[in-house]
């Protein structure tokens, strides 16, 4: 279980977050967990202010430079996980994010980081109550400022705001805690879940983000660090965790995706909790309580449990278990594919814990409640186009095309062997040939491709990794519901629809109207212009006007070439003639050669040199 960090408990103290103490805490945690070599190699001690560094050295926490390094007794991936847990909420969340980045870490690290527990030691109720009262009273003050005549009565206790508030949390995470309660909505009592942010967590997170970026700056100086753009990843992580700390943003995400799902599933096959804005703010979110079963209980290997839980109303069973599982798999697949390929705005954390099965006896089957919208993704049209083409290439075993899409979307090192990458990708795709369609796991193919991008040091953007992870997770859930599930078949209609939508969105109605008007004008003028053309053709009045542009350079080059060829031919002729004259045997002789031949050869040489000089001078 992850432990609360001392920095969180001392968050109210500005000095504890001033940088020095927190940097020392991080350095000490790393050193105590056997990471002294890492601390030295990246120069982490340079980030610690002088006074704190002297105190650290005085306490002999840091081993001597010459001391032999003793590696952690645990396997390295497990040591990484435990270190992150000790570093506190920000680093726990960092580990959870890294557990989704198969393009950065080997599989054994990914599996270990997935063990980072969501549940942590709860904050005492008195501190949580203080946050609720602060958020409520501040909201009432803002409402009073906007509503003339409104009188604010500050709440003194949670009972002034909620009904039946249960002070024991139903869940405690690294960033917040959740409680059961009830509110009065009009004249009706509504059961709700109240999500409250852990007190003092925001300044802790901001301090940790700054330190994390400083550490990343040191890592980027190393040879390994230069291979990846870690600062972009740190900025991306900062955005993710800040969004999760903004409960207003999460509430908005819940409503937007909920409305999209209602339009796609008007009969309520997949639902989201209703948000009660009257009791929500940046650090407190109130949503409808949804009673349901865990998704895992409906998996194939848990069938007996769910069968035992089936209930009857008016003598009618909820549904046939096998048919119901297949239906649920289809709903999950269709909803997430629609979010990605059609809406372009999707739930980015679709693990089974974020889905509840809700019995609906009127409908005669289960509903799926989708929860926790702190992590969402947006996919722009370009990314959607590349992803669609990438998936189509995989389905068609087109390794060249898939390679092109990876290179287009990612950042490859300059020395990458593109041909070898395509061959390795082709090997992954061909490994599925000959298998029955239901045995083809797209998730495994995508995971193997992510592992390959890691080996080739290709940096992929976060949105692409998120999309791939959602597809892998969705397929994994659905295959546990339906052993014959095939993602390729389920995805095909959405890919086709996305291509159609992309084509139609290229032209707005105004564009189509304008193009239609221009086409109508063109068609009306074609008969007249064709008639004029035929009349001029019969009368012999057609003329062709040719105008050359920027051909002066070409003309000069051709002239120079001709001059040189002429000069060369003339000199060659004179040399050949002089050579023939050497065969004459008429005197007088000079050095055994006829005088006339020597004179003619000398004259030819001088004439040739002069001619070449004239050609070069005129050019």
Foldseek 3Di string as FASTA:
>chain_A
DQEAEVCQVVLVDVVCLVQQVLLLQLVLLCLVLQNLVVCVQLVSLVSHDPVSSVVVVVVVSRDDPPDDRDHGPDPPLLSQQNSLSHSALLSLLVLVLVLLQLLADPPVNNVNSPPSDFAYDDDQLVQQFVQLQVFLQVVQVVVPVVDPPDDDDRDPTCVVAWAPWDSDFPGHGRFWTKTWTWHQDPNDIFIKIKIFTRPSVVSVNVSVLVSVLVSLVSQCVDPVSVLDPVNVVSVVSSVLVVLLQFVVNLLVLQVVLQVVVCVVVVVQQEHEWAWDVSSDGRGMTMTGDADFAQLVCLFPVNPVVVVVVWDDDPRATLDPSLVQLLVNLLSLLVSQLCCVLPVQKHQLDPARVQWGWHRDVVVSYTHIYGHDRSDMGGDDPVNSVLVLQLVVCLVVLPLVSNLVSLVVQWPFDPPFDSVVLSVVLSVLSCVCPPPPQLPDQVLVSLSVNSNSSSVRSIGGDPNVSSVSSSSNNSSVSSCRSPVSDHSVVSNVVSSVVSVVVVVVVVADPVRVVVVVVVVVVVVVCVVVVVVVVVVCVVVVNDDDDDDDDPCPVVVVVVVLVVLVVVLVVQLVVLQVVLVVQQPDPDDDADPNTHPVSVVSNVVSVVVSVVSVVVSVVVD
